[in-house]
Amino acid sequence: MAINNYTISEAIITLRPNAEFLLNGDTFDGLEWLDKEQSAPTWDEVLAEINNPTPKVEPSIEEKLASVGLDFNELKAAILGGN
């Protein structure tokens, strides 16, 4: 796998969810850490995440529906015509 700004950014996002940072260029040296709540990950942490990514958890149907402002009963009513 090629290591570039996308893979580095994805690893940082996984390691430090909701962190504020900028990544200038395609190397870890371009990391500008803006987050005041969390510490920046080390290159070793980022490299470990790139080489052995944390499995992504697939959202449930309920979570997917909620992301568009619906719940299961609303979807069911829309499909079945309100019953």
N, C-alpha and C. Protein backbone atom coordinates (compact mmCIF):
# COMPACT_ATOMS: atom_id res chain seq x y z
N MET A 1 0.85 -1.18 0.00
CA MET A 1 0.00 0.00 0.00
C MET A 1 0.89 1.24 0.00
N ALA A 2 0.55 2.15 -0.87
CA ALA A 2 1.29 3.42 -0.92
C ALA A 2 0.89 4.29 0.25
N ILE A 3 1.87 4.88 0.87
CA ILE A 3 1.58 5.80 1.97
C ILE A 3 1.56 7.21 1.39
N ASN A 4 0.41 7.85 1.50
CA ASN A 4 0.26 9.21 1.00
C ASN A 4 -0.58 10.00 2.00
N ASN A 5 -0.94 11.23 1.64
CA ASN A 5 -1.66 12.05 2.60
C ASN A 5 -3.02 11.46 2.94
N TYR A 6 -3.64 10.75 1.99
CA TYR A 6 -4.94 10.13 2.28
C TYR A 6 -4.80 9.02 3.32
N THR A 7 -3.84 8.10 3.12
CA THR A 7 -3.68 7.00 4.08
C THR A 7 -3.23 7.51 5.44
N ILE A 8 -2.39 8.52 5.45
CA ILE A 8 -1.96 9.10 6.73
C ILE A 8 -3.15 9.76 7.42
N SER A 9 -3.94 10.52 6.68
CA SER A 9 -5.11 11.19 7.25
C SER A 9 -6.12 10.18 7.79
N GLU A 10 -6.39 9.13 7.02
CA GLU A 10 -7.33 8.10 7.47
C GLU A 10 -6.86 7.45 8.77
N ALA A 11 -5.58 7.18 8.87
CA ALA A 11 -5.03 6.58 10.08
C ALA A 11 -5.19 7.54 11.27
N ILE A 12 -4.90 8.81 11.05
CA ILE A 12 -5.03 9.80 12.13
C ILE A 12 -6.49 9.90 12.57
N ILE A 13 -7.41 9.93 11.62
CA ILE A 13 -8.84 10.02 11.95
C ILE A 13 -9.29 8.81 12.76
N THR A 14 -8.77 7.64 12.43
CA THR A 14 -9.11 6.44 13.19
C THR A 14 -8.52 6.50 14.60
N LEU A 15 -7.27 6.96 14.69
CA LEU A 15 -6.60 7.01 15.98
C LEU A 15 -7.11 8.12 16.89
N ARG A 16 -7.48 9.25 16.29
CA ARG A 16 -7.92 10.42 17.05
C ARG A 16 -9.21 10.97 16.43
N PRO A 17 -10.33 10.27 16.67
CA PRO A 17 -11.60 10.71 16.08
C PRO A 17 -11.90 12.17 16.43
N ASN A 18 -12.42 12.88 15.46
CA ASN A 18 -12.84 14.28 15.61
C ASN A 18 -11.69 15.25 15.87
N ALA A 19 -10.46 14.80 15.68
CA ALA A 19 -9.31 15.67 15.90
C ALA A 19 -9.24 16.73 14.81
N GLU A 20 -8.67 17.86 15.17
CA GLU A 20 -8.45 18.94 14.21
C GLU A 20 -6.98 18.96 13.84
N PHE A 21 -6.73 18.80 12.53
CA PHE A 21 -5.35 18.81 12.05
C PHE A 21 -5.34 19.15 10.56
N LEU A 22 -4.17 19.53 10.09
CA LEU A 22 -3.91 19.73 8.67
C LEU A 22 -2.75 18.83 8.30
N LEU A 23 -2.78 18.31 7.09
CA LEU A 23 -1.66 17.52 6.61
C LEU A 23 -1.21 18.12 5.29
N ASN A 24 -0.07 18.76 5.34
CA ASN A 24 0.50 19.43 4.17
C ASN A 24 1.45 18.48 3.47
N GLY A 25 1.16 18.14 2.23
CA GLY A 25 2.02 17.22 1.48
C GLY A 25 1.67 15.78 1.74
N ASP A 26 2.57 14.91 1.32
CA ASP A 26 2.34 13.47 1.40
C ASP A 26 3.16 12.77 2.47
N THR A 27 3.65 13.51 3.45
CA THR A 27 4.43 12.87 4.51
C THR A 27 3.91 13.31 5.88
N PHE A 28 4.23 12.49 6.86
CA PHE A 28 3.84 12.78 8.23
C PHE A 28 4.47 14.08 8.73
N ASP A 29 5.61 14.45 8.16
CA ASP A 29 6.27 15.69 8.55
C ASP A 29 5.40 16.91 8.27
N GLY A 30 4.42 16.77 7.37
CA GLY A 30 3.53 17.87 7.05
C GLY A 30 2.35 18.00 8.00
N LEU A 31 2.34 17.20 9.08
CA LEU A 31 1.23 17.25 10.04
C LEU A 31 1.29 18.52 10.86
N GLU A 32 0.19 19.27 10.83
CA GLU A 32 0.03 20.44 11.69
C GLU A 32 -1.12 20.13 12.63
N TRP A 33 -0.81 19.93 13.90
CA TRP A 33 -1.80 19.52 14.89
C TRP A 33 -2.49 20.74 15.45
N LEU A 34 -3.81 20.83 15.27
CA LEU A 34 -4.58 21.99 15.72
C LEU A 34 -5.43 21.68 16.94
N ASP A 35 -5.57 20.42 17.27
CA ASP A 35 -6.49 20.00 18.33
C ASP A 35 -5.91 20.32 19.70
N LYS A 36 -6.71 20.97 20.51
CA LYS A 36 -6.29 21.32 21.88
C LYS A 36 -6.74 20.27 22.90
N GLU A 37 -7.62 19.35 22.47
CA GLU A 37 -8.18 18.36 23.38
C GLU A 37 -7.41 17.03 23.39
N GLN A 38 -6.78 16.70 22.27
CA GLN A 38 -6.08 15.43 22.13
C GLN A 38 -4.64 15.68 21.68
N SER A 39 -3.78 14.77 22.06
CA SER A 39 -2.39 14.87 21.59
C SER A 39 -2.28 14.25 20.20
N ALA A 40 -1.31 14.71 19.46
CA ALA A 40 -1.07 14.17 18.12
C ALA A 40 -0.53 12.74 18.23
N PRO A 41 -0.93 11.88 17.30
CA PRO A 41 -0.35 10.53 17.31
C PRO A 41 1.10 10.58 16.85
N THR A 42 1.84 9.60 17.22
CA THR A 42 3.23 9.50 16.76
C THR A 42 3.25 8.84 15.38
N TRP A 43 4.38 8.97 14.68
CA TRP A 43 4.52 8.32 13.39
C TRP A 43 4.39 6.80 13.55
N ASP A 44 4.93 6.25 14.64
CA ASP A 44 4.82 4.81 14.87
C ASP A 44 3.37 4.37 15.01
N GLU A 45 2.55 5.17 15.71
CA GLU A 45 1.12 4.85 15.84
C GLU A 45 0.43 4.89 14.47
N VAL A 46 0.73 5.93 13.71
CA VAL A 46 0.11 6.09 12.39
C VAL A 46 0.54 4.95 11.47
N LEU A 47 1.81 4.62 11.46
CA LEU A 47 2.31 3.54 10.61
C LEU A 47 1.69 2.20 11.01
N ALA A 48 1.55 1.96 12.30
CA ALA A 48 0.92 0.71 12.76
C ALA A 48 -0.53 0.64 12.29
N GLU A 49 -1.25 1.76 12.33
CA GLU A 49 -2.64 1.79 11.88
C GLU A 49 -2.72 1.57 10.37
N ILE A 50 -1.80 2.14 9.61
CA ILE A 50 -1.78 1.95 8.16
C ILE A 50 -1.51 0.49 7.83
N ASN A 51 -0.55 -0.12 8.52
CA ASN A 51 -0.16 -1.50 8.23
C ASN A 51 -1.14 -2.54 8.77
N ASN A 52 -1.88 -2.19 9.80
CA ASN A 52 -2.84 -3.11 10.40
C ASN A 52 -4.08 -2.31 10.79
N PRO A 53 -4.92 -1.94 9.80
CA PRO A 53 -6.04 -1.04 10.08
C PRO A 53 -7.07 -1.62 11.04
N THR A 54 -7.60 -0.74 11.86
CA THR A 54 -8.70 -1.10 12.75
C THR A 54 -9.91 -1.43 11.90
N PRO A 55 -10.56 -2.58 12.12
CA PRO A 55 -11.74 -2.91 11.32
C PRO A 55 -12.84 -1.86 11.49
N LYS A 56 -13.46 -1.51 10.38
CA LYS A 56 -14.56 -0.55 10.41
C LYS A 56 -15.84 -1.29 10.77
N VAL A 57 -16.61 -0.73 11.69
CA VAL A 57 -17.88 -1.33 12.09
C VAL A 57 -18.97 -0.80 11.17
N GLU A 58 -19.68 -1.73 10.54
CA GLU A 58 -20.78 -1.36 9.64
C GLU A 58 -21.95 -0.85 10.47
N PRO A 59 -22.48 0.34 10.14
CA PRO A 59 -23.64 0.85 10.89
C PRO A 59 -24.85 -0.06 10.72
N SER A 60 -25.68 -0.11 11.75
CA SER A 60 -26.91 -0.91 11.69
C SER A 60 -27.91 -0.22 10.76
N ILE A 61 -28.95 -0.93 10.39
CA ILE A 61 -30.02 -0.36 9.56
C ILE A 61 -30.63 0.85 10.28
N GLU A 62 -30.84 0.72 11.58
CA GLU A 62 -31.41 1.83 12.35
C GLU A 62 -30.51 3.06 12.29
N GLU A 63 -29.20 2.86 12.41
CA GLU A 63 -28.26 3.98 12.35
C GLU A 63 -28.24 4.61 10.96
N LYS A 64 -28.31 3.78 9.93
CA LYS A 64 -28.35 4.31 8.57
C LYS A 64 -29.61 5.14 8.34
N LEU A 65 -30.76 4.62 8.79
CA LEU A 65 -32.01 5.36 8.64
C LEU A 65 -31.97 6.66 9.43
N ALA A 66 -31.44 6.61 10.64
CA ALA A 66 -31.35 7.82 11.47
C ALA A 66 -30.47 8.88 10.82
N SER A 67 -29.47 8.45 10.06
CA SER A 67 -28.57 9.41 9.42
C SER A 67 -29.28 10.24 8.36
N VAL A 68 -30.44 9.75 7.88
CA VAL A 68 -31.24 10.51 6.91
C VAL A 68 -32.57 10.96 7.52
N GLY A 69 -32.66 10.89 8.84
CA GLY A 69 -33.83 11.42 9.54
C GLY A 69 -35.04 10.52 9.55
N LEU A 70 -34.86 9.22 9.41
CA LEU A 70 -35.97 8.27 9.42
C LEU A 70 -35.78 7.23 10.51
N ASP A 71 -36.88 6.58 10.88
CA ASP A 71 -36.77 5.38 11.69
C ASP A 71 -37.46 4.26 10.93
N PHE A 72 -37.36 3.04 11.43
CA PHE A 72 -37.88 1.88 10.71
C PHE A 72 -39.37 1.99 10.46
N ASN A 73 -40.14 2.44 11.45
CA ASN A 73 -41.59 2.54 11.29
C ASN A 73 -41.97 3.57 10.22
N GLU A 74 -41.24 4.66 10.14
CA GLU A 74 -41.51 5.67 9.10
C GLU A 74 -41.21 5.10 7.71
N LEU A 75 -40.14 4.34 7.59
CA LEU A 75 -39.82 3.73 6.31
C LEU A 75 -40.88 2.71 5.93
N LYS A 76 -41.28 1.91 6.88
CA LYS A 76 -42.31 0.91 6.64
C LYS A 76 -43.62 1.55 6.19
N ALA A 77 -43.99 2.63 6.86
CA ALA A 77 -45.22 3.35 6.50
C ALA A 77 -45.12 3.95 5.09
N ALA A 78 -43.95 4.45 4.74
CA ALA A 78 -43.76 5.03 3.41
C ALA A 78 -43.88 3.96 2.33
N ILE A 79 -43.35 2.78 2.60
CA ILE A 79 -43.38 1.70 1.61
C ILE A 79 -44.78 1.12 1.50
N LEU A 80 -45.43 0.94 2.64
CA LEU A 80 -46.74 0.27 2.64
C LEU A 80 -47.90 1.25 2.50
N GLY A 81 -47.61 2.51 2.36
CA GLY A 81 -48.67 3.50 2.16
C GLY A 81 -49.36 3.94 3.44
N GLY A 82 -48.61 4.02 4.53
CA GLY A 82 -49.16 4.57 5.76
C GLY A 82 -49.78 3.59 6.72
N ASN A 83 -49.71 2.30 6.44
CA ASN A 83 -50.31 1.31 7.34
C ASN A 83 -49.29 0.69 8.24
